[in-house]
């Protein structure tokens, strides 16, 4: 369904939501009364009480309903012949249970808090490939949200000639408002898209529990509306491209890694810190190499901002690289990552570094868009070459 206008009537359309990521993180730190890593007893996993303490001390510093939702409506109104806005789900507020034996899921009650929106192009055609762009899976990663919205505003009118496009610009509104990596239930949403995935002891990117955020997107992508748009085929196999927009920030090491250790009952070793790459890079699924596609995206981003160098061991975020600016990890579906939610042959996770002294917030947003357009241009060239070869062989 379209965005309820009564909801939008209560919010003012923001002139801009581009803000310095570091300034927002500083505001969040100032507003938070206790560090995540100081919650609970060292070496003991959090229970309901600790989770509530953590949630109550994550303070709202920006507004999804005032910043993002009106901008989505503005995009729709700017080109009503091109866009539909679909509410594909909603997030429910938390009501805590003081009973220590209650699980996090048992401590929830239901009533609407955050509506979740997807923007899709109209007049879908089976002749055009389907493209999915996701942003704001980690709500604190600002350019993921901004990049998705900027792509809608500036590039989709052109690319909709060649692709059927769906964009979900802010999958985790609670995290967006509080500059947090986790959902309100203390789960990393970018590990929650396959809770039954591959768990390896000691690995930093193991699957976590399913979330409302991941469940809503999965239901949307596999639901009746998408099946109607795509025909009778398995819609997972009909996506040609999925680009999931992310950032790597200094707070990944200073805040979120220690918080995860405290939550899981581990003692955080300060010597385990990973080096944060200064620049843009891509995360490649080892089962989807697509070498020339990654090269095209890196070359497109290079025109906007710098590409992240490897560390002294030749690694990016502790992982081997396949080429400049591209690190390789196991199959993303097995890890519960959003970029593994479809079987699109062209799939990747972007990573921008907003804390770099060599990049502005605008460049970070534009880098996300450049990556998308570079990737789509390459796919178009591949499809055109296939078409030419087919015609020549007839």
Protein backbone atom coordinates (compact mmCIF):
# COMPACT_ATOMS: atom_id res chain seq x y z
CA UNK A 1 0.00 0.00 0.00
CA UNK A 2 1.04 3.60 -0.43
CA UNK A 3 2.33 5.69 2.46
CA UNK A 4 -0.60 6.87 4.63
CA UNK A 5 -0.88 10.61 4.09
CA UNK A 6 -2.17 11.08 7.63
CA UNK A 7 1.23 9.91 8.83
CA UNK A 8 3.06 12.33 6.59
CA UNK A 9 0.81 15.21 7.60
CA UNK A 10 2.28 15.13 11.07
CA UNK A 11 5.88 15.44 9.84
CA UNK A 12 7.76 18.27 8.19
CA UNK A 13 9.67 17.48 5.01
CA UNK A 14 13.33 17.89 5.85
CA UNK A 15 15.42 20.13 3.60
CA UNK A 16 18.30 17.67 3.95
CA UNK A 17 19.37 14.74 6.10
CA UNK A 18 23.02 14.82 5.11
CA UNK A 19 24.92 15.14 8.42
CA UNK A 20 28.45 14.43 9.43
CA UNK A 21 28.61 10.81 10.56
CA UNK A 22 31.24 11.59 13.14
CA UNK A 23 29.15 14.43 14.58
CA UNK A 24 26.14 12.14 14.90
CA UNK A 25 28.22 9.47 16.59
CA UNK A 26 29.58 12.07 19.00
CA UNK A 27 26.04 13.24 19.78
CA UNK A 28 25.00 9.65 20.42
CA UNK A 29 27.96 9.07 22.74
CA UNK A 30 27.19 12.23 24.71
CA UNK A 31 23.54 11.28 25.04
CA UNK A 32 24.24 7.70 26.09
CA UNK A 33 24.55 7.42 29.86
CA UNK A 34 26.57 4.20 29.91
CA UNK A 35 28.87 2.45 27.45
CA UNK A 36 27.52 -0.81 26.06
CA UNK A 37 30.68 -2.61 27.13
CA UNK A 38 30.10 -1.57 30.77
CA UNK A 39 26.68 -3.22 30.95
CA UNK A 40 26.34 -6.53 32.79
CA UNK A 41 28.90 -8.75 34.48
CA UNK A 42 32.16 -9.38 32.58
CA UNK A 43 32.19 -12.89 31.17
CA UNK A 44 28.43 -13.40 31.61
CA UNK A 45 26.01 -13.11 28.63
CA UNK A 46 23.29 -10.48 28.89
CA UNK A 47 19.82 -11.41 30.05
CA UNK A 48 16.58 -9.44 29.85
CA UNK A 49 17.69 -6.93 32.50
CA UNK A 50 20.96 -6.10 30.73
CA UNK A 51 19.25 -5.87 27.35
CA UNK A 52 16.72 -3.43 28.80
CA UNK A 53 19.49 -1.35 30.37
CA UNK A 54 21.30 -1.25 27.03
CA UNK A 55 18.15 -0.30 25.11
CA UNK A 56 17.12 2.39 27.62
CA UNK A 57 20.52 4.06 27.35
CA UNK A 58 20.56 4.23 23.55
CA UNK A 59 19.14 7.72 23.08
CA UNK A 60 17.30 8.92 19.99
CA UNK A 61 19.29 11.63 18.18
CA UNK A 62 17.46 11.83 14.82
CA UNK A 63 14.01 10.96 13.48
CA UNK A 64 13.11 8.35 10.86
CA UNK A 65 9.55 9.68 10.58
CA UNK A 66 10.70 13.28 10.12
CA UNK A 67 13.82 12.71 8.03
CA UNK A 68 13.39 9.58 5.91
CA UNK A 69 9.66 8.95 5.50
CA UNK A 70 8.78 12.43 4.14
CA UNK A 71 11.69 12.18 1.72
CA UNK A 72 10.34 8.86 0.43
CA UNK A 73 6.97 10.52 -0.14
CA UNK A 74 8.66 13.45 -1.86
CA UNK A 75 10.39 11.03 -4.24
CA UNK A 76 7.05 9.41 -5.07
CA UNK A 77 5.33 12.74 -5.64
CA UNK A 78 8.16 14.02 -7.82
CA UNK A 79 7.47 11.28 -10.37
CA UNK A 80 4.16 9.55 -9.72
CA UNK A 81 4.26 7.88 -13.14
CA UNK A 82 7.53 6.14 -12.23
CA UNK A 83 7.32 5.16 -8.55
CA UNK A 84 5.12 3.16 -6.24
CA UNK A 85 5.79 3.26 -2.49
CA UNK A 86 4.89 0.05 -0.68
CA UNK A 87 4.68 -0.45 3.06
CA UNK A 88 6.08 -3.96 3.33
CA UNK A 89 6.09 -4.26 7.12
CA UNK A 90 6.34 -2.51 10.46
CA UNK A 91 8.48 -2.70 13.56
CA UNK A 92 6.81 -3.09 16.93
CA UNK A 93 7.84 -1.32 20.14
CA UNK A 94 9.35 -3.28 23.00
CA UNK A 95 7.62 -3.83 26.34
CA UNK A 96 10.09 -5.27 28.81
CA UNK A 97 9.31 -8.06 31.24
CA UNK A 98 11.04 -7.89 34.62
CA UNK A 99 11.01 -11.69 34.82
CA UNK A 100 14.65 -12.75 34.27
CA UNK A 101 13.45 -16.06 32.83
CA UNK A 102 11.65 -14.36 29.95
CA UNK A 103 13.41 -14.35 26.60
CA UNK A 104 13.90 -11.21 24.56
CA UNK A 105 11.18 -12.30 22.12
CA UNK A 106 8.75 -12.98 24.97
CA UNK A 107 9.22 -9.46 26.32
CA UNK A 108 7.60 -7.81 23.28
CA UNK A 109 4.08 -6.50 22.86
CA UNK A 110 2.49 -5.40 19.62
CA UNK A 111 1.51 -1.96 18.30
CA UNK A 112 2.99 -0.09 15.39
CA UNK A 113 6.17 1.96 15.85
CA UNK A 114 8.05 2.14 12.53
CA UNK A 115 6.46 1.51 9.10
CA UNK A 116 8.90 -0.07 6.65
CA UNK A 117 8.86 1.15 3.04
CA UNK A 118 10.10 -0.01 -0.33
CA UNK A 119 10.13 2.15 -3.44
CA UNK A 120 9.63 0.25 -6.68
CA UNK A 121 9.43 1.27 -10.30
CA UNK A 122 6.07 0.87 -12.00
CA UNK A 123 5.17 -1.07 -15.14
CA UNK A 124 7.36 -4.06 -14.44
CA UNK A 125 8.26 -6.08 -17.51
CA UNK A 126 9.46 -9.67 -17.79
CA UNK A 127 11.78 -8.39 -20.49
CA UNK A 128 13.75 -6.32 -17.98
CA UNK A 129 16.05 -7.79 -15.28
CA UNK A 130 15.20 -7.16 -11.64
CA UNK A 131 17.50 -5.11 -9.38
CA UNK A 132 17.37 -4.81 -5.58
CA UNK A 133 19.12 -2.00 -3.67
CA UNK A 134 19.06 -2.15 0.14
CA UNK A 135 20.24 0.52 2.58
CA UNK A 136 20.23 1.18 6.30
CA UNK A 137 20.46 -2.47 7.35
CA UNK A 138 22.82 -1.07 9.96
CA UNK A 139 20.91 2.10 10.80
CA UNK A 140 23.95 4.03 11.99
CA UNK A 141 25.61 3.78 8.56
CA UNK A 142 24.30 7.06 7.21
CA UNK A 143 25.46 6.90 3.60
CA UNK A 144 23.67 3.58 3.18
CA UNK A 145 20.37 5.38 3.71
CA UNK A 146 21.45 8.54 1.93
CA UNK A 147 22.96 6.70 -1.01
CA UNK A 148 19.78 4.70 -1.60
CA UNK A 149 17.64 7.86 -1.53
CA UNK A 150 20.07 9.76 -3.76
CA UNK A 151 20.02 6.90 -6.27
CA UNK A 152 16.22 7.11 -6.37
CA UNK A 153 16.25 10.87 -6.81
CA UNK A 154 18.96 11.12 -9.45
CA UNK A 155 19.48 7.84 -11.34
CA UNK A 156 16.43 5.58 -11.28
CA UNK A 157 14.54 7.57 -13.97
CA UNK A 158 17.31 6.55 -16.40
CA UNK A 159 17.93 2.98 -15.26
CA UNK A 160 14.22 2.13 -15.04
CA UNK A 161 14.29 1.96 -18.85
CA UNK A 162 16.40 -1.16 -18.58
CA UNK A 163 15.67 -2.67 -15.17
CA UNK A 164 12.79 -3.35 -12.80
CA UNK A 165 14.04 -1.73 -9.58
CA UNK A 166 13.19 -2.09 -5.87
CA UNK A 167 14.90 0.07 -3.24
CA UNK A 168 14.52 -0.34 0.54
CA UNK A 169 16.39 2.71 1.87
CA UNK A 170 16.16 2.21 5.63
CA UNK A 171 15.68 -1.37 6.83
CA UNK A 172 16.54 -0.59 10.48
CA UNK A 173 14.79 2.64 11.57
CA UNK A 174 15.39 2.07 15.31
CA UNK A 175 19.13 1.83 14.70
CA UNK A 176 18.96 4.83 12.36
CA UNK A 177 17.46 7.02 15.06
CA UNK A 178 19.96 5.99 17.74
CA UNK A 179 23.09 5.63 15.57
CA UNK A 180 23.24 1.94 16.52
CA UNK A 181 24.40 -1.20 14.73
CA UNK A 182 21.92 -3.53 16.42
CA UNK A 183 18.14 -3.74 16.44
CA UNK A 184 16.17 -2.78 19.56
CA UNK A 185 16.50 -6.42 20.66
CA UNK A 186 20.28 -6.32 20.62
CA UNK A 187 20.73 -8.38 17.42
CA UNK A 188 22.95 -7.49 14.46
CA UNK A 189 20.44 -7.25 11.58
CA UNK A 190 23.16 -7.96 9.01
CA UNK A 191 23.64 -11.39 10.51
CA UNK A 192 19.92 -12.16 10.83
CA UNK A 193 18.86 -13.10 7.28
CA UNK A 194 19.68 -16.79 7.79
CA UNK A 195 19.83 -17.75 11.48
CA UNK A 196 20.45 -21.38 10.51
CA UNK A 197 23.57 -20.47 8.55
CA UNK A 198 27.15 -21.56 9.00
CA UNK A 199 28.53 -20.86 12.51
CA UNK A 200 32.30 -21.08 12.96
CA UNK A 201 33.81 -20.72 16.43
CA UNK A 202 35.67 -17.44 16.85
CA UNK A 203 34.59 -15.92 13.55
CA UNK A 204 33.33 -12.33 13.77
CA UNK A 205 30.57 -12.66 11.19
CA UNK A 206 28.52 -15.62 12.36
CA UNK A 207 24.72 -15.69 11.90
CA UNK A 208 22.51 -14.32 14.67
CA UNK A 209 18.83 -14.66 15.53
CA UNK A 210 16.16 -13.63 13.03
CA UNK A 211 14.88 -10.08 13.44
CA UNK A 212 11.66 -8.29 12.61
CA UNK A 213 13.71 -6.29 10.11
CA UNK A 214 15.02 -9.31 8.22
CA UNK A 215 11.76 -11.25 8.44
CA UNK A 216 9.79 -8.34 6.98
CA UNK A 217 12.13 -7.96 4.00
CA UNK A 218 12.24 -11.70 3.32
CA UNK A 219 8.45 -11.93 3.44
CA UNK A 220 8.17 -8.96 1.07
CA UNK A 221 10.63 -10.39 -1.46
CA UNK A 222 9.01 -13.82 -1.39
CA UNK A 223 5.41 -12.70 -0.98
CA UNK A 224 2.41 -12.60 -3.26
CA UNK A 225 3.02 -9.09 -4.58
CA UNK A 226 6.52 -9.86 -5.79
CA UNK A 227 5.38 -13.17 -7.26
CA UNK A 228 2.69 -11.30 -9.18
CA UNK A 229 5.25 -8.84 -10.50
CA UNK A 230 7.70 -11.54 -11.51
CA UNK A 231 5.30 -14.20 -12.76
CA UNK A 232 5.24 -17.81 -11.65
CA UNK A 233 9.01 -18.29 -11.38
CA UNK A 234 10.94 -18.55 -8.13
CA UNK A 235 11.50 -14.87 -7.42
CA UNK A 236 14.85 -15.45 -5.70
CA UNK A 237 16.30 -16.67 -9.00
CA UNK A 238 14.86 -13.72 -10.93
CA UNK A 239 17.00 -11.02 -9.32
CA UNK A 240 19.98 -10.24 -11.50
CA UNK A 241 21.60 -7.78 -9.07
CA UNK A 242 21.51 -6.97 -5.35
CA UNK A 243 23.72 -4.23 -3.91
CA UNK A 244 23.58 -3.73 -0.13
CA UNK A 245 24.88 -0.31 0.99
CA UNK A 246 27.06 -0.15 4.13
CA UNK A 247 29.81 1.78 5.91
CA UNK A 248 32.81 0.77 8.01
CA UNK A 249 33.31 3.31 10.80
CA UNK A 250 35.78 3.89 13.62
CA UNK A 251 32.96 3.06 16.04
CA UNK A 252 32.94 -0.50 14.68
CA UNK A 253 36.06 -1.05 16.78
CA UNK A 254 35.68 1.54 19.55
CA UNK A 255 32.02 0.84 20.37
CA UNK A 256 30.38 -2.08 18.60
CA UNK A 257 33.05 -4.78 18.94
CA UNK A 258 33.34 -4.25 22.73
CA UNK A 259 29.54 -4.15 22.96
CA UNK A 260 29.24 -7.50 21.18
CA UNK A 261 31.79 -9.04 23.52
CA UNK A 262 29.87 -7.80 26.58
CA UNK A 263 26.54 -9.01 25.17
CA UNK A 264 27.93 -12.47 24.46
CA UNK A 265 29.74 -12.83 27.78
CA UNK A 266 33.24 -12.61 26.38
CA UNK A 267 36.14 -10.56 27.69
CA UNK A 268 37.12 -8.09 24.98
CA UNK A 269 40.83 -8.18 24.20
CA UNK A 270 41.94 -4.66 23.15
CA UNK A 271 44.75 -6.24 21.14
CA UNK A 272 42.20 -7.93 18.85
CA UNK A 273 41.29 -4.67 17.14
CA UNK A 274 41.13 -4.75 13.36
CA UNK A 275 42.47 -1.95 11.23
CA UNK A 276 39.66 0.15 9.73
CA UNK A 277 40.35 0.61 6.00
CA UNK A 278 40.56 4.27 4.94
CA UNK A 279 38.47 4.37 1.80
CA UNK A 280 35.79 2.59 -0.21
CA UNK A 281 35.81 -1.17 -0.70
CA UNK A 282 33.49 -4.00 -1.70
CA UNK A 283 32.78 -7.34 -0.04
CA UNK A 284 32.61 -10.21 -2.52
CA UNK A 285 30.79 -13.49 -2.02
CA UNK A 286 33.31 -16.22 -2.88
CA UNK A 287 30.56 -18.10 -4.76
CA UNK A 288 29.90 -15.10 -7.03
CA UNK A 289 33.28 -13.89 -8.35
CA UNK A 290 32.15 -11.64 -11.26
CA UNK A 291 35.64 -10.13 -11.58
CA UNK A 292 34.93 -7.57 -14.30
CA UNK A 293 31.77 -6.40 -12.52
CA UNK A 294 33.71 -5.60 -9.36
CA UNK A 295 36.37 -3.84 -11.41
CA UNK A 296 33.71 -1.67 -13.07
CA UNK A 297 32.27 -0.61 -9.71
CA UNK A 298 35.65 0.16 -8.16
CA UNK A 299 36.63 2.22 -11.24
CA UNK A 300 33.34 4.15 -11.04
CA UNK A 301 33.81 4.92 -7.33
CA UNK A 302 37.43 5.96 -7.90
CA UNK A 303 36.12 9.02 -9.75
CA UNK A 304 34.32 10.13 -6.57
CA UNK A 305 36.54 9.08 -3.67
CA UNK A 306 39.60 7.00 -2.84
CA UNK A 307 39.73 3.20 -2.73
CA UNK A 308 40.80 1.52 0.52
CA UNK A 309 44.35 0.13 0.57
CA UNK A 310 45.16 -3.21 2.15
CA UNK A 311 46.84 -3.45 5.55
CA UNK A 312 50.47 -4.49 6.06
CA UNK A 313 49.47 -8.13 5.58
CA UNK A 314 47.74 -7.42 2.27
CA UNK A 315 44.26 -7.88 3.78
CA UNK A 316 41.04 -5.86 4.05
CA UNK A 317 39.14 -6.24 7.35
CA UNK A 318 41.26 -9.32 7.94
CA UNK A 319 40.19 -10.96 4.66
CA UNK A 320 42.03 -11.77 1.45
CA UNK A 321 41.39 -9.60 -1.59
CA UNK A 322 40.50 -10.66 -5.12
CA UNK A 323 41.55 -7.32 -6.62
CA UNK A 324 42.08 -3.74 -5.49
CA UNK A 325 39.30 -2.66 -3.14
CA UNK A 326 37.54 -6.05 -3.07
CA UNK A 327 37.78 -8.51 -0.17
CA UNK A 328 36.37 -12.03 -0.31
CA UNK A 329 34.28 -13.77 2.35
CA UNK A 330 32.31 -17.07 2.47
CA UNK A 331 28.86 -17.39 0.92
CA UNK A 332 26.79 -14.50 2.27
CA UNK A 333 23.62 -16.52 2.67
CA UNK A 334 25.50 -18.87 5.03
CA UNK A 335 26.59 -15.87 7.12
CA UNK A 336 23.09 -14.42 7.42
CA UNK A 337 24.02 -11.27 5.50
CA UNK A 338 21.42 -9.15 3.73
CA UNK A 339 23.43 -9.35 0.49
CA UNK A 340 22.72 -13.10 0.51
CA UNK A 341 18.94 -12.74 0.73
CA UNK A 342 18.59 -13.36 -3.02
CA UNK A 343 20.41 -15.62 -5.44
CA UNK A 344 21.27 -12.71 -7.73
CA UNK A 345 24.44 -13.58 -9.69
CA UNK A 346 25.63 -9.99 -9.27
CA UNK A 347 25.64 -9.36 -5.52
CA UNK A 348 27.84 -7.39 -3.18
CA UNK A 349 28.08 -5.32 -0.02
CA UNK A 350 29.53 -1.80 -0.29
CA UNK A 351 31.66 -0.26 2.45
CA UNK A 352 32.33 3.48 2.72
CA UNK A 353 34.59 5.03 5.37
CA UNK A 354 32.85 8.23 6.58
CA UNK A 355 35.48 8.97 9.25
CA UNK A 356 38.19 9.51 6.66
CA UNK A 357 39.79 12.98 6.65
CA UNK A 358 39.91 12.59 2.88
CA UNK A 359 36.17 12.22 2.24
CA UNK A 360 33.13 14.41 2.89
CA UNK A 361 29.64 13.09 3.73
CA UNK A 362 28.54 14.11 0.23
CA UNK A 363 31.35 12.08 -1.31
CA UNK A 364 30.34 9.06 0.77
CA UNK A 365 26.77 9.32 -0.49
CA UNK A 366 27.92 9.84 -4.07
CA UNK A 367 30.30 6.88 -3.82
CA UNK A 368 27.35 4.62 -3.02
CA UNK A 369 25.51 5.90 -6.08
CA UNK A 370 28.60 5.62 -8.29
CA UNK A 371 29.00 2.01 -7.24
CA UNK A 372 25.39 1.20 -8.15
CA UNK A 373 25.53 2.95 -11.52
CA UNK A 374 28.93 1.46 -12.37
CA UNK A 375 27.57 -1.99 -11.61
CA UNK A 376 24.37 -1.50 -13.60
CA UNK A 377 26.23 -0.05 -16.58
CA UNK A 378 28.47 -3.12 -16.63
CA UNK A 379 25.49 -5.49 -16.49
CA UNK A 380 23.88 -3.61 -19.37
CA UNK A 381 27.04 -3.99 -21.44
CA UNK A 382 27.17 -7.72 -20.70
CA UNK A 383 23.52 -8.18 -21.67
CA UNK A 384 23.98 -6.15 -24.85
CA UNK A 385 27.00 -8.23 -25.88
CA UNK A 386 25.04 -11.43 -25.27
CA UNK A 387 22.23 -10.10 -27.41
CA UNK A 388 24.63 -9.21 -30.23
CA UNK A 389 26.27 -12.64 -30.17
CA UNK A 390 22.86 -14.31 -30.21
CA UNK A 391 21.78 -12.27 -33.23
CA UNK A 392 25.04 -13.04 -35.04
CA UNK A 393 24.57 -16.78 -34.50
CA UNK A 394 21.03 -16.83 -35.82
